[in-house]
Amino acid sequence: MTITKALVDAVQRAANRAVEQRAASWILASVTVVNADGTVDLSTARGPVPGVRRLKSYSAPAVNDVVKVSRNSDGNWIVDGALA
């Protein structure tokens, strides 16, 4: 591999990571803890996420619920609701 090719590959990987980090997305997660302050702790494919707010329509969270979670480009998380 040439130095030019290695540099191009490194720049491409860095650009892909930057776009992924700034993009809004949604994922599935499992509720691990229901907190008294209206938040839940989650287990995701990316690792644990503590203290995520939930929509009012998800009014009865329970440990082990599988939920849809949205993340905006600033890195804020919200639980949209449980799957049926």
Protein backbone atom coordinates (compact mmCIF):
# COMPACT_ATOMS: atom_id res chain seq x y z
CA MET A 1 0.00 0.00 0.00
CA THR A 2 1.37 3.39 -0.91
CA ILE A 3 1.49 6.31 1.47
CA THR A 4 -0.99 8.16 -0.74
CA LYS A 5 -3.45 5.25 -0.65
CA ALA A 6 -3.08 4.94 3.14
CA LEU A 7 -3.73 8.67 3.55
CA VAL A 8 -6.79 8.56 1.29
CA ASP A 9 -8.15 5.57 3.24
CA ALA A 10 -7.56 7.32 6.59
CA VAL A 11 -9.32 10.48 5.42
CA GLN A 12 -12.26 8.43 4.12
CA ARG A 13 -12.61 6.58 7.44
CA ALA A 14 -12.48 9.87 9.38
CA ALA A 15 -15.13 11.43 7.12
CA ASN A 16 -17.41 8.40 7.49
CA ARG A 17 -17.11 8.53 11.30
CA ALA A 18 -17.85 12.28 11.35
CA VAL A 19 -20.97 11.87 9.22
CA GLU A 20 -22.19 8.93 11.31
CA GLN A 21 -21.71 10.86 14.55
CA ARG A 22 -23.61 13.92 13.28
CA ALA A 23 -26.49 12.06 11.63
CA ALA A 24 -29.86 11.53 13.28
CA SER A 25 -30.82 7.89 13.64
CA TRP A 26 -32.99 5.42 15.47
CA ILE A 27 -32.18 2.07 17.05
CA LEU A 28 -33.77 -0.65 19.14
CA ALA A 29 -32.77 -0.97 22.79
CA SER A 30 -33.76 -2.81 25.96
CA VAL A 31 -34.83 -1.03 29.13
CA THR A 32 -32.53 -2.00 31.99
CA VAL A 33 -33.73 0.42 34.71
CA VAL A 34 -36.87 2.54 35.11
CA ASN A 35 -35.91 5.70 37.02
CA ALA A 36 -38.31 7.73 39.20
CA ASP A 37 -37.46 10.96 37.33
CA GLY A 38 -39.19 9.91 34.09
CA THR A 39 -36.09 8.47 32.45
CA VAL A 40 -34.97 4.95 31.65
CA ASP A 41 -31.55 3.38 31.37
CA LEU A 42 -30.98 1.43 28.17
CA SER A 43 -28.85 -1.33 26.79
CA THR A 44 -28.00 -0.73 23.11
CA ALA A 45 -25.71 -2.27 20.53
CA ARG A 46 -23.44 0.73 21.17
CA GLY A 47 -23.40 0.06 24.91
CA PRO A 48 -25.36 1.32 27.92
CA VAL A 49 -27.12 4.68 27.80
CA PRO A 50 -28.28 6.06 31.17
CA GLY A 51 -31.05 8.57 31.86
CA VAL A 52 -32.91 8.69 28.54
CA ARG A 53 -36.16 10.68 28.55
CA ARG A 54 -39.28 9.01 27.23
CA LEU A 55 -42.33 10.33 25.42
CA LYS A 56 -45.50 10.66 27.52
CA SER A 57 -47.20 8.10 25.29
CA TYR A 58 -44.76 5.50 26.70
CA SER A 59 -46.40 5.78 30.10
CA ALA A 60 -45.69 2.38 31.65
CA PRO A 61 -42.06 1.46 30.99
CA ALA A 62 -40.82 -1.85 32.33
CA VAL A 63 -37.44 -3.53 32.58
CA ASN A 64 -36.77 -5.73 29.51
CA ASP A 65 -39.11 -3.72 27.25
CA VAL A 66 -37.73 -3.50 23.72
CA VAL A 67 -38.04 0.14 22.69
CA LYS A 68 -37.44 2.34 19.66
CA VAL A 69 -34.95 5.07 20.51
CA SER A 70 -34.19 8.16 18.43
CA ARG A 71 -30.91 10.08 18.55
CA ASN A 72 -30.48 13.51 16.99
CA SER A 73 -27.33 14.97 15.49
CA ASP A 74 -26.38 16.63 18.79
CA GLY A 75 -26.31 13.24 20.50
CA ASN A 76 -29.55 13.63 22.46
CA TRP A 77 -31.60 10.47 22.96
CA ILE A 78 -35.35 9.92 23.44
CA VAL A 79 -37.43 6.76 23.83
CA ASP A 80 -40.28 6.84 21.33
CA GLY A 81 -42.08 3.83 22.79
CA ALA A 82 -42.14 0.10 23.31
CA LEU A 83 -42.61 -2.41 20.54
CA ALA A 84 -45.81 -4.45 20.64
